[in-house]
Each structure stands twice: as structure tokens, then as C-alpha cells.
Amino acid sequence: MTYADLLLHIDTYPTATPLSAIEEAVALAVGLGAALTGLAIEVEIPVRSNRLADRLIGLSAMAEEEEGTSRTACRDGLANFTAAATAAGVFHASLLARVNHLDVPDHVARLARTYDLCLLPRVDGCEGQFEVDQAVVFGSGRPVLIFRAGGTAGLANGPNLVVIAWDGSHGAARAMADALPILVRAKQVR
């Protein structure tokens, strides 16, 4: 069993996924011999018309500014991803979506359902990633690898140690079967 098609979520708001995390995901795809698709989501921040808020604090302008920040992060993140994945020979596609900021986790989970494995980089200080991680783990029905940016050194060549939590349940059997492409590359499995 192998993974053929991986999805990488490239976060854009409030904190953008750093280039180092994108490069780690590309190295992992190379190590697994899989094609990699990058997904960046430009957030929409809807603001109900409120003249008082606009007059006092410029609420509409603030929302537009944050959307612009996300748009720039999308452009930069996908450009970095495309360059790194193409150079490594694992580029499959770049996906760009525009979604309400509250719906981002569910959108990523729905897209992850059509891939062999979803890669979710974790960046310190980014609170929004927890909701995406949780939605994809529990809502995609597919294997998910959540990795700390900077913490996957050597993972592309196979992990040194994998520990399996086994309780004999259907879920444990399914999780182990989904993880087989990584388990067979591990130097030690407990």
C-alpha cells in the first residue's frame, strides 16, 4: 500500500504557513513517492452594515485589510508551494478557494476526503489551526498527518520510532491500516 495523492493545507489567516513547513511537506511527499496538492484559502470576513462601528473604528476597512492580508498570504504560499513541489518533482496541483473564515475548517475537511493523506503543518502561536486540525481529523474520514513545522527532520526517510496505541477496536484497525505506508518505512514500530 502506498499514498499516491497528498493534500497540504497552507494556512493564510491569521498566521501564514512558513516556507520551511511547505518544504518539509514537499520532502515528505518525495519520501513517500506521492504527488502533492497545495490548498490555500482566502478568508472572507463578512461585516454587517453598521454605520456606528464604521464611524468609530472603521470596521469595514479593518475587515477589508485582513482579507487583503489573507489574499497576499494565499498568493505567496501557493507560489512557494508550486516552486518547491515542482523542483522536487511532486507537484500535482494548486488549489485556491475563497471561504468565510468560520467555514475554513469544514472546507478543508471536505476536500481532504478525496486524498490519500492530508498534511497539516502546525505553527506556534496560530490559534486557528486547532479548529482545522480537529475538523479534518474528525470530519474527513481520511488519514491525517499533523506535524510541527521544524519537527519532521528525517521523516521523509522514514521515522525512527512509531508507537501504536492499540485497543482492538474498529477505529484502531482502520488507523493502523491507513498508516501502513508510513509504518513500513519506520525503523522501529512498537
N, C-alpha and C. Protein backbone atom coordinates (compact mmCIF):
# COMPACT_ATOMS: atom_id res chain seq x y z
N MET A 1 0.84 -1.18 0.00
CA MET A 1 0.00 0.00 0.00
C MET A 1 0.89 1.25 0.00
N THR A 2 0.50 2.22 -0.79
CA THR A 2 1.23 3.49 -0.83
C THR A 2 0.24 4.65 -0.87
N TYR A 3 0.73 5.82 -0.57
CA TYR A 3 -0.05 7.03 -0.76
C TYR A 3 0.30 7.57 -2.14
N ALA A 4 -0.71 7.89 -2.93
CA ALA A 4 -0.46 8.42 -4.26
C ALA A 4 -0.68 9.93 -4.31
N ASP A 5 -1.65 10.42 -3.55
CA ASP A 5 -2.08 11.80 -3.69
C ASP A 5 -2.25 12.43 -2.32
N LEU A 6 -1.41 13.41 -2.01
CA LEU A 6 -1.44 14.08 -0.71
C LEU A 6 -1.99 15.50 -0.86
N LEU A 7 -2.65 15.98 0.20
CA LEU A 7 -3.14 17.36 0.25
C LEU A 7 -2.41 18.09 1.36
N LEU A 8 -1.88 19.26 1.05
CA LEU A 8 -1.22 20.12 2.03
C LEU A 8 -2.07 21.36 2.23
N HIS A 9 -2.52 21.58 3.47
CA HIS A 9 -3.24 22.82 3.77
C HIS A 9 -2.22 23.91 4.09
N ILE A 10 -2.26 24.97 3.31
CA ILE A 10 -1.38 26.12 3.50
C ILE A 10 -2.21 27.21 4.17
N ASP A 11 -1.96 27.43 5.44
CA ASP A 11 -2.75 28.39 6.21
C ASP A 11 -2.41 29.81 5.76
N THR A 12 -3.43 30.68 5.74
CA THR A 12 -3.23 32.06 5.30
C THR A 12 -3.70 33.10 6.29
N TYR A 13 -4.46 32.67 7.31
CA TYR A 13 -5.02 33.65 8.23
C TYR A 13 -5.34 33.00 9.55
N PRO A 14 -4.99 33.55 10.66
CA PRO A 14 -4.33 34.84 10.84
C PRO A 14 -2.81 34.76 10.66
N THR A 15 -2.24 33.53 10.72
CA THR A 15 -0.80 33.36 10.53
C THR A 15 -0.57 32.49 9.31
N ALA A 16 0.31 32.92 8.43
CA ALA A 16 0.59 32.17 7.22
C ALA A 16 1.54 31.01 7.50
N THR A 17 1.36 29.92 6.77
CA THR A 17 2.26 28.78 6.87
C THR A 17 3.64 29.21 6.35
N PRO A 18 4.70 28.99 7.12
CA PRO A 18 6.03 29.41 6.68
C PRO A 18 6.57 28.51 5.57
N LEU A 19 7.49 29.05 4.79
CA LEU A 19 8.12 28.31 3.70
C LEU A 19 8.76 27.03 4.21
N SER A 20 9.35 27.05 5.39
CA SER A 20 10.02 25.85 5.92
C SER A 20 9.03 24.70 6.10
N ALA A 21 7.80 24.98 6.52
CA ALA A 21 6.79 23.92 6.67
C ALA A 21 6.36 23.38 5.31
N ILE A 22 6.26 24.27 4.34
CA ILE A 22 5.92 23.83 2.97
C ILE A 22 7.02 22.92 2.44
N GLU A 23 8.28 23.30 2.65
CA GLU A 23 9.40 22.49 2.19
C GLU A 23 9.44 21.14 2.89
N GLU A 24 9.07 21.09 4.17
CA GLU A 24 9.02 19.82 4.89
C GLU A 24 7.94 18.91 4.31
N ALA A 25 6.80 19.49 3.98
CA ALA A 25 5.72 18.69 3.38
C ALA A 25 6.14 18.17 2.02
N VAL A 26 6.84 18.97 1.24
CA VAL A 26 7.33 18.53 -0.06
C VAL A 26 8.33 17.39 0.11
N ALA A 27 9.23 17.50 1.07
CA ALA A 27 10.20 16.43 1.33
C ALA A 27 9.49 15.14 1.76
N LEU A 28 8.45 15.27 2.54
CA LEU A 28 7.68 14.10 2.95
C LEU A 28 7.02 13.44 1.75
N ALA A 29 6.45 14.25 0.85
CA ALA A 29 5.83 13.71 -0.36
C ALA A 29 6.87 12.98 -1.22
N VAL A 30 8.06 13.56 -1.32
CA VAL A 30 9.14 12.90 -2.07
C VAL A 30 9.47 11.56 -1.42
N GLY A 31 9.62 11.55 -0.10
CA GLY A 31 9.94 10.33 0.62
C GLY A 31 8.89 9.26 0.47
N LEU A 32 7.64 9.66 0.36
CA LEU A 32 6.54 8.70 0.20
C LEU A 32 6.25 8.36 -1.26
N GLY A 33 6.91 9.06 -2.17
CA GLY A 33 6.69 8.82 -3.60
C GLY A 33 5.30 9.22 -4.04
N ALA A 34 4.78 10.30 -3.48
CA ALA A 34 3.41 10.72 -3.75
C ALA A 34 3.36 12.10 -4.39
N ALA A 35 2.30 12.35 -5.15
CA ALA A 35 2.04 13.68 -5.70
C ALA A 35 1.44 14.54 -4.61
N LEU A 36 1.69 15.85 -4.68
CA LEU A 36 1.25 16.76 -3.64
C LEU A 36 0.44 17.91 -4.22
N THR A 37 -0.71 18.15 -3.62
CA THR A 37 -1.57 19.27 -3.98
C THR A 37 -1.56 20.26 -2.83
N GLY A 38 -1.38 21.54 -3.15
CA GLY A 38 -1.40 22.59 -2.14
C GLY A 38 -2.75 23.29 -2.15
N LEU A 39 -3.29 23.52 -0.97
CA LEU A 39 -4.57 24.21 -0.82
C LEU A 39 -4.38 25.46 0.04
N ALA A 40 -4.70 26.61 -0.52
CA ALA A 40 -4.69 27.87 0.23
C ALA A 40 -6.09 28.47 0.16
N ILE A 41 -6.55 28.97 1.29
CA ILE A 41 -7.90 29.52 1.36
C ILE A 41 -7.83 30.99 1.73
N GLU A 42 -8.39 31.81 0.85
CA GLU A 42 -8.51 33.23 1.12
C GLU A 42 -9.77 33.43 1.96
N VAL A 43 -9.62 34.03 3.12
CA VAL A 43 -10.76 34.16 4.01
C VAL A 43 -11.62 35.37 3.65
N GLU A 44 -12.92 35.17 3.82
CA GLU A 44 -13.88 36.26 3.72
C GLU A 44 -14.29 36.63 5.14
N ILE A 45 -14.33 37.89 5.44
CA ILE A 45 -14.77 38.35 6.75
C ILE A 45 -15.98 39.24 6.53
N PRO A 46 -17.17 38.63 6.59
CA PRO A 46 -18.38 39.43 6.33
C PRO A 46 -18.65 40.40 7.47
N VAL A 47 -19.03 41.60 7.10
CA VAL A 47 -19.35 42.63 8.08
C VAL A 47 -20.75 43.13 7.77
N ARG A 48 -21.61 43.02 8.75
CA ARG A 48 -22.96 43.58 8.58
C ARG A 48 -22.85 45.10 8.61
N SER A 49 -23.65 45.70 7.82
CA SER A 49 -23.63 47.16 7.75
C SER A 49 -23.90 47.75 9.14
N ASN A 50 -22.96 48.52 9.61
CA ASN A 50 -23.07 49.14 10.92
C ASN A 50 -22.37 50.49 10.85
N ARG A 51 -23.15 51.51 10.60
CA ARG A 51 -22.55 52.83 10.42
C ARG A 51 -21.82 53.33 11.65
N LEU A 52 -22.33 53.01 12.82
CA LEU A 52 -21.67 53.46 14.04
C LEU A 52 -20.28 52.83 14.19
N ALA A 53 -20.20 51.50 13.96
CA ALA A 53 -18.91 50.82 14.06
C ALA A 53 -17.95 51.33 12.99
N ASP A 54 -18.47 51.58 11.80
CA ASP A 54 -17.60 52.10 10.74
C ASP A 54 -17.09 53.49 11.09
N ARG A 55 -17.95 54.30 11.67
CA ARG A 55 -17.55 55.67 12.00
C ARG A 55 -16.57 55.70 13.18
N LEU A 56 -16.81 54.84 14.19
CA LEU A 56 -15.97 54.86 15.37
C LEU A 56 -14.63 54.16 15.18
N ILE A 57 -14.65 52.98 14.59
CA ILE A 57 -13.40 52.21 14.48
C ILE A 57 -13.06 51.77 13.06
N GLY A 58 -13.88 52.09 12.10
CA GLY A 58 -13.59 51.70 10.71
C GLY A 58 -13.67 50.19 10.50
N LEU A 59 -14.74 49.57 11.00
CA LEU A 59 -14.88 48.11 10.99
C LEU A 59 -14.77 47.52 9.58
N SER A 60 -15.46 48.11 8.62
CA SER A 60 -15.42 47.59 7.25
C SER A 60 -14.01 47.65 6.68
N ALA A 61 -13.31 48.74 6.93
CA ALA A 61 -11.94 48.89 6.44
C ALA A 61 -11.02 47.87 7.11
N MET A 62 -11.25 47.60 8.41
CA MET A 62 -10.44 46.60 9.11
C MET A 62 -10.64 45.22 8.49
N ALA A 63 -11.89 44.87 8.19
CA ALA A 63 -12.19 43.57 7.59
C ALA A 63 -11.54 43.46 6.21
N GLU A 64 -11.63 44.51 5.42
CA GLU A 64 -11.00 44.51 4.10
C GLU A 64 -9.49 44.36 4.20
N GLU A 65 -8.89 45.00 5.18
CA GLU A 65 -7.45 44.90 5.37
C GLU A 65 -7.03 43.46 5.72
N GLU A 66 -7.79 42.82 6.61
CA GLU A 66 -7.49 41.43 6.99
C GLU A 66 -7.70 40.48 5.81
N GLU A 67 -8.73 40.71 5.00
CA GLU A 67 -8.93 39.90 3.80
C GLU A 67 -7.76 40.08 2.83
N GLY A 68 -7.25 41.30 2.74
CA GLY A 68 -6.08 41.57 1.89
C GLY A 68 -4.84 40.83 2.38
N THR A 69 -4.68 40.77 3.71
CA THR A 69 -3.56 40.03 4.30
C THR A 69 -3.66 38.55 3.91
N SER A 70 -4.86 38.00 4.01
CA SER A 70 -5.08 36.60 3.64
C SER A 70 -4.82 36.38 2.15
N ARG A 71 -5.29 37.30 1.32
CA ARG A 71 -5.11 37.20 -0.14
C ARG A 71 -3.62 37.18 -0.49
N THR A 72 -2.84 38.05 0.15
CA THR A 72 -1.40 38.09 -0.09
C THR A 72 -0.74 36.79 0.37
N ALA A 73 -1.15 36.28 1.54
CA ALA A 73 -0.60 35.02 2.05
C ALA A 73 -0.94 33.86 1.11
N CYS A 74 -2.13 33.87 0.53
CA CYS A 74 -2.51 32.83 -0.45
C CYS A 74 -1.57 32.86 -1.65
N ARG A 75 -1.41 34.05 -2.20
CA ARG A 75 -0.57 34.21 -3.39
C ARG A 75 0.86 33.75 -3.09
N ASP A 76 1.42 34.22 -1.98
CA ASP A 76 2.80 33.88 -1.62
C ASP A 76 2.93 32.40 -1.27
N GLY A 77 1.99 31.87 -0.50
CA GLY A 77 2.05 30.47 -0.09
C GLY A 77 1.96 29.53 -1.28
N LEU A 78 1.04 29.80 -2.20
CA LEU A 78 0.91 28.93 -3.37
C LEU A 78 2.11 29.07 -4.30
N ALA A 79 2.67 30.27 -4.42
CA ALA A 79 3.88 30.45 -5.24
C ALA A 79 5.04 29.66 -4.65
N ASN A 80 5.22 29.75 -3.33
CA ASN A 80 6.29 28.99 -2.67
C ASN A 80 6.07 27.49 -2.82
N PHE A 81 4.83 27.07 -2.62
CA PHE A 81 4.50 25.65 -2.75
C PHE A 81 4.77 25.15 -4.17
N THR A 82 4.28 25.88 -5.16
CA THR A 82 4.44 25.47 -6.56
C THR A 82 5.91 25.35 -6.93
N ALA A 83 6.71 26.33 -6.51
CA ALA A 83 8.15 26.30 -6.82
C ALA A 83 8.82 25.10 -6.15
N ALA A 84 8.55 24.88 -4.87
CA ALA A 84 9.21 23.78 -4.14
C ALA A 84 8.75 22.41 -4.64
N ALA A 85 7.46 22.25 -4.85
CA ALA A 85 6.93 20.95 -5.29
C ALA A 85 7.35 20.63 -6.73
N THR A 86 7.38 21.65 -7.58
CA THR A 86 7.81 21.44 -8.96
C THR A 86 9.29 21.06 -9.01
N ALA A 87 10.11 21.76 -8.25
CA ALA A 87 11.54 21.47 -8.21
C ALA A 87 11.80 20.05 -7.71
N ALA A 88 10.95 19.57 -6.79
CA ALA A 88 11.13 18.23 -6.22
C ALA A 88 10.45 17.15 -7.06
N GLY A 89 9.68 17.56 -8.05
CA GLY A 89 9.01 16.59 -8.92
C GLY A 89 7.77 15.95 -8.33
N VAL A 90 7.13 16.61 -7.34
CA VAL A 90 5.93 16.05 -6.72
C VAL A 90 4.70 16.94 -6.91
N PHE A 91 4.82 18.01 -7.68
CA PHE A 91 3.70 18.93 -7.86
C PHE A 91 2.56 18.25 -8.60
N HIS A 92 1.35 18.37 -8.03
CA HIS A 92 0.16 17.86 -8.70
C HIS A 92 -0.77 19.02 -9.07
N ALA A 93 -1.08 19.87 -8.09
CA ALA A 93 -1.98 20.99 -8.36
C ALA A 93 -1.89 22.01 -7.23
N SER A 94 -2.34 23.23 -7.54
CA SER A 94 -2.52 24.28 -6.54
C SER A 94 -3.99 24.62 -6.53
N LEU A 95 -4.59 24.59 -5.36
CA LEU A 95 -6.00 24.92 -5.21
C LEU A 95 -6.14 26.21 -4.42
N LEU A 96 -7.01 27.08 -4.89
CA LEU A 96 -7.28 28.33 -4.21
C LEU A 96 -8.79 28.43 -4.03
N ALA A 97 -9.22 28.75 -2.83
CA ALA A 97 -10.65 28.93 -2.55
C ALA A 97 -10.83 30.21 -1.77
N ARG A 98 -12.02 30.75 -1.85
CA ARG A 98 -12.39 31.92 -1.04
C ARG A 98 -13.58 31.48 -0.20
N VAL A 99 -13.39 31.49 1.12
CA VAL A 99 -14.37 30.92 2.04
C VAL A 99 -14.53 31.83 3.25
N ASN A 100 -15.75 31.87 3.80
CA ASN A 100 -15.99 32.59 5.05
C ASN A 100 -15.03 32.05 6.10
N HIS A 101 -14.40 32.93 6.86
CA HIS A 101 -13.36 32.50 7.81
C HIS A 101 -13.87 31.47 8.82
N LEU A 102 -15.15 31.47 9.13
CA LEU A 102 -15.71 30.49 10.06
C LEU A 102 -15.89 29.11 9.43
N ASP A 103 -15.92 29.05 8.10
CA ASP A 103 -16.15 27.80 7.38
C ASP A 103 -14.87 27.12 6.88
N VAL A 104 -13.71 27.72 7.14
CA VAL A 104 -12.45 27.16 6.65
C VAL A 104 -12.22 25.73 7.14
N PRO A 105 -12.39 25.43 8.43
CA PRO A 105 -12.13 24.05 8.88
C PRO A 105 -12.97 23.01 8.13
N ASP A 106 -14.25 23.27 7.98
CA ASP A 106 -15.12 22.31 7.29
C ASP A 106 -14.77 22.20 5.80
N HIS A 107 -14.35 23.29 5.20
CA HIS A 107 -13.96 23.26 3.79
C HIS A 107 -12.73 22.38 3.58
N VAL A 108 -11.74 22.53 4.45
CA VAL A 108 -10.54 21.70 4.35
C VAL A 108 -10.89 20.23 4.57
N ALA A 109 -11.75 19.95 5.55
CA ALA A 109 -12.15 18.57 5.83
C ALA A 109 -12.85 17.94 4.64
N ARG A 110 -13.74 18.68 3.98
CA ARG A 110 -14.44 18.14 2.80
C ARG A 110 -13.46 17.82 1.68
N LEU A 111 -12.51 18.71 1.43
CA LEU A 111 -11.52 18.46 0.37
C LEU A 111 -10.61 17.29 0.73
N ALA A 112 -10.26 17.14 2.00
CA ALA A 112 -9.35 16.08 2.43
C ALA A 112 -9.95 14.69 2.18
N ARG A 113 -11.26 14.60 2.07
CA ARG A 113 -11.93 13.31 1.83
C ARG A 113 -11.51 12.67 0.51
N THR A 114 -10.99 13.46 -0.41
CA THR A 114 -10.65 12.93 -1.73
C THR A 114 -9.16 12.67 -1.91
N TYR A 115 -8.39 12.70 -0.82
CA TYR A 115 -6.94 12.48 -0.89
C TYR A 115 -6.55 11.31 0.00
N ASP A 116 -5.41 10.71 -0.33
CA ASP A 116 -4.91 9.58 0.46
C ASP A 116 -4.45 9.99 1.84
N LEU A 117 -3.92 11.20 1.96
CA LEU A 117 -3.40 11.70 3.23
C LEU A 117 -3.43 13.22 3.20
N CYS A 118 -3.83 13.83 4.32
CA CYS A 118 -3.84 15.29 4.42
C CYS A 118 -2.73 15.71 5.38
N LEU A 119 -1.90 16.64 4.94
CA LEU A 119 -0.80 17.16 5.75
C LEU A 119 -1.21 18.51 6.32
N LEU A 120 -1.10 18.63 7.65
CA LEU A 120 -1.48 19.86 8.34
C LEU A 120 -0.30 20.35 9.17
N PRO A 121 0.43 21.36 8.68
CA PRO A 121 1.55 21.90 9.48
C PRO A 121 1.03 22.73 10.65
N ARG A 122 1.71 22.62 11.78
CA ARG A 122 1.38 23.40 12.98
C ARG A 122 2.45 24.46 13.16
N VAL A 123 2.02 25.68 13.38
CA VAL A 123 2.92 26.79 13.61
C VAL A 123 2.60 27.36 14.98
N ASP A 124 3.62 27.55 15.79
CA ASP A 124 3.41 28.11 17.14
C ASP A 124 2.71 29.45 17.06
N GLY A 125 1.73 29.63 17.94
CA GLY A 125 1.05 30.91 18.04
C GLY A 125 -0.14 31.08 17.12
N CYS A 126 -0.50 30.07 16.35
CA CYS A 126 -1.63 30.20 15.44
C CYS A 126 -2.82 29.42 15.99
N GLU A 127 -3.76 30.15 16.57
CA GLU A 127 -4.91 29.52 17.22
C GLU A 127 -5.88 28.88 16.22
N GLY A 128 -6.01 29.43 15.04
CA GLY A 128 -6.98 28.92 14.07
C GLY A 128 -6.67 27.52 13.57
N GLN A 129 -5.42 27.09 13.70
CA GLN A 129 -5.05 25.77 13.19
C GLN A 129 -5.70 24.65 13.97
N PHE A 130 -5.94 24.84 15.25
CA PHE A 130 -6.55 23.79 16.05
C PHE A 130 -7.91 23.40 15.49
N GLU A 131 -8.71 24.39 15.11
CA GLU A 131 -10.04 24.10 14.56
C GLU A 131 -9.94 23.35 13.24
N VAL A 132 -8.97 23.71 12.40
CA VAL A 132 -8.78 22.99 11.14
C VAL A 132 -8.33 21.56 11.42
N ASP A 133 -7.36 21.40 12.31
CA ASP A 133 -6.88 20.06 12.66
C ASP A 133 -8.03 19.19 13.14
N GLN A 134 -8.81 19.71 14.05
CA GLN A 134 -9.92 18.95 14.63
C GLN A 134 -10.96 18.59 13.57
N ALA A 135 -11.31 19.53 12.71
CA ALA A 135 -12.31 19.27 11.67
C ALA A 135 -11.83 18.22 10.69
N VAL A 136 -10.56 18.27 10.32
CA VAL A 136 -10.04 17.31 9.34
C VAL A 136 -9.90 15.92 9.98
N VAL A 137 -9.39 15.85 11.20
CA VAL A 137 -9.24 14.56 11.86
C VAL A 137 -10.60 13.87 12.03
N PHE A 138 -11.60 14.61 12.48
CA PHE A 138 -12.89 14.00 12.78
C PHE A 138 -13.89 14.07 11.64
N GLY A 139 -13.65 14.92 10.64
CA GLY A 139 -14.64 15.10 9.60
C GLY A 139 -14.27 14.63 8.22
N SER A 140 -13.00 14.28 7.99
CA SER A 140 -12.61 13.89 6.64
C SER A 140 -12.77 12.40 6.38
N GLY A 141 -12.64 11.60 7.41
CA GLY A 141 -12.68 10.15 7.21
C GLY A 141 -11.44 9.60 6.53
N ARG A 142 -10.40 10.40 6.46
CA ARG A 142 -9.16 10.03 5.78
C ARG A 142 -7.99 10.20 6.75
N PRO A 143 -6.85 9.57 6.43
CA PRO A 143 -5.67 9.74 7.28
C PRO A 143 -5.17 11.19 7.26
N VAL A 144 -4.66 11.62 8.41
CA VAL A 144 -4.18 12.99 8.58
C VAL A 144 -2.84 12.93 9.28
N LEU A 145 -1.88 13.71 8.81
CA LEU A 145 -0.60 13.83 9.49
C LEU A 145 -0.44 15.29 9.90
N ILE A 146 -0.52 15.53 11.21
CA ILE A 146 -0.31 16.87 11.75
C ILE A 146 1.14 16.93 12.20
N PHE A 147 1.88 17.88 11.66
CA PHE A 147 3.29 17.96 12.03
C PHE A 147 3.67 19.36 12.44
N ARG A 148 4.56 19.44 13.41
CA ARG A 148 5.07 20.72 13.87
C ARG A 148 6.14 21.18 12.90
N ALA A 149 5.98 22.38 12.39
CA ALA A 149 6.96 22.93 11.47
C ALA A 149 8.33 22.91 12.14
N GLY A 150 9.29 22.32 11.48
CA GLY A 150 10.64 22.20 12.03
C GLY A 150 10.86 20.91 12.78
N GLY A 151 9.81 20.11 12.93
CA GLY A 151 9.93 18.88 13.71
C GLY A 151 9.90 17.61 12.90
N THR A 152 10.00 17.70 11.58
CA THR A 152 9.92 16.49 10.75
C THR A 152 11.25 16.10 10.14
N ALA A 153 12.33 16.64 10.65
CA ALA A 153 13.65 16.32 10.10
C ALA A 153 13.83 14.81 10.05
N GLY A 154 14.11 14.30 8.88
CA GLY A 154 14.35 12.87 8.72
C GLY A 154 13.09 12.06 8.50
N LEU A 155 11.92 12.65 8.67
CA LEU A 155 10.68 11.88 8.49
C LEU A 155 10.51 11.43 7.04
N ALA A 156 11.02 12.21 6.10
CA ALA A 156 10.91 11.82 4.69
C ALA A 156 11.63 10.50 4.42
N ASN A 157 12.65 10.19 5.20
CA ASN A 157 13.37 8.93 5.04
C ASN A 157 12.79 7.82 5.91
N GLY A 158 11.72 8.10 6.58
CA GLY A 158 11.08 7.14 7.47
C GLY A 158 11.36 7.50 8.91
N PRO A 159 10.34 7.40 9.75
CA PRO A 159 10.52 7.76 11.16
C PRO A 159 11.40 6.75 11.88
N ASN A 160 12.08 7.20 12.91
CA ASN A 160 12.91 6.30 13.72
C ASN A 160 12.04 5.35 14.53
N LEU A 161 10.99 5.89 15.15
CA LEU A 161 10.14 5.09 16.03
C LEU A 161 8.69 5.49 15.84
N VAL A 162 7.83 4.48 15.69
CA VAL A 162 6.38 4.70 15.66
C VAL A 162 5.79 3.88 16.78
N VAL A 163 4.95 4.52 17.59
CA VAL A 163 4.27 3.83 18.68
C VAL A 163 2.80 3.75 18.32
N ILE A 164 2.24 2.55 18.40
CA ILE A 164 0.84 2.33 18.06
C ILE A 164 0.04 2.13 19.34
N ALA A 165 -1.03 2.87 19.48
CA ALA A 165 -1.96 2.68 20.60
C ALA A 165 -3.04 1.73 20.09
N TRP A 166 -3.09 0.54 20.64
CA TRP A 166 -3.98 -0.50 20.13
C TRP A 166 -4.97 -0.94 21.20
N ASP A 167 -6.25 -0.85 20.88
CA ASP A 167 -7.27 -1.33 21.80
C ASP A 167 -8.15 -2.40 21.18
N GLY A 168 -7.79 -2.86 19.99
CA GLY A 168 -8.54 -3.92 19.33
C GLY A 168 -9.82 -3.46 18.65
N SER A 169 -10.08 -2.16 18.65
CA SER A 169 -11.32 -1.65 18.09
C SER A 169 -11.25 -1.48 16.57
N HIS A 170 -12.41 -1.26 15.99
CA HIS A 170 -12.52 -0.98 14.56
C HIS A 170 -11.69 0.25 14.19
N GLY A 171 -11.80 1.29 15.02
CA GLY A 171 -11.06 2.53 14.75
C GLY A 171 -9.56 2.33 14.79
N ALA A 172 -9.07 1.52 15.74
CA ALA A 172 -7.63 1.26 15.82
C ALA A 172 -7.15 0.48 14.61
N ALA A 173 -7.94 -0.50 14.18
CA ALA A 173 -7.57 -1.30 13.00
C ALA A 173 -7.54 -0.42 11.75
N ARG A 174 -8.52 0.46 11.63
CA ARG A 174 -8.58 1.33 10.47
C ARG A 174 -7.41 2.32 10.45
N ALA A 175 -7.10 2.88 11.62
CA ALA A 175 -6.00 3.84 11.72
C ALA A 175 -4.67 3.18 11.37
N MET A 176 -4.47 1.94 11.85
CA MET A 176 -3.22 1.26 11.54
C MET A 176 -3.13 0.92 10.06
N ALA A 177 -4.22 0.49 9.47
CA ALA A 177 -4.22 0.19 8.03
C ALA A 177 -3.94 1.45 7.21
N ASP A 178 -4.52 2.57 7.62
CA ASP A 178 -4.28 3.83 6.91
C ASP A 178 -2.84 4.31 7.06
N ALA A 179 -2.18 3.92 8.15
CA ALA A 179 -0.82 4.37 8.41
C ALA A 179 0.24 3.42 7.85
N LEU A 180 -0.14 2.31 7.24
CA LEU A 180 0.83 1.33 6.76
C LEU A 180 1.94 1.90 5.88
N PRO A 181 1.64 2.82 4.94
CA PRO A 181 2.74 3.36 4.13
C PRO A 181 3.83 4.03 4.95
N ILE A 182 3.48 4.58 6.10
CA ILE A 182 4.48 5.20 6.98
C ILE A 182 5.10 4.14 7.88
N LEU A 183 4.28 3.21 8.37
CA LEU A 183 4.78 2.18 9.28
C LEU A 183 5.86 1.30 8.63
N VAL A 184 5.69 0.97 7.36
CA VAL A 184 6.68 0.10 6.70
C VAL A 184 8.01 0.80 6.51
N ARG A 185 8.01 2.12 6.58
CA ARG A 185 9.26 2.90 6.42
C ARG A 185 9.94 3.15 7.76
N ALA A 186 9.23 2.88 8.85
CA ALA A 186 9.78 3.14 10.19
C ALA A 186 10.91 2.17 10.52
N LYS A 187 11.87 2.66 11.26
CA LYS A 187 12.98 1.81 11.68
C LYS A 187 12.56 0.89 12.82
N GLN A 188 11.59 1.36 13.63
CA GLN A 188 11.10 0.55 14.75
C GLN A 188 9.63 0.90 14.97
N VAL A 189 8.80 -0.14 15.19
CA VAL A 189 7.38 0.04 15.48
C VAL A 189 7.07 -0.71 16.77
N ARG A 190 6.44 -0.02 17.70
CA ARG A 190 6.04 -0.65 18.96
C ARG A 190 4.55 -0.57 19.09
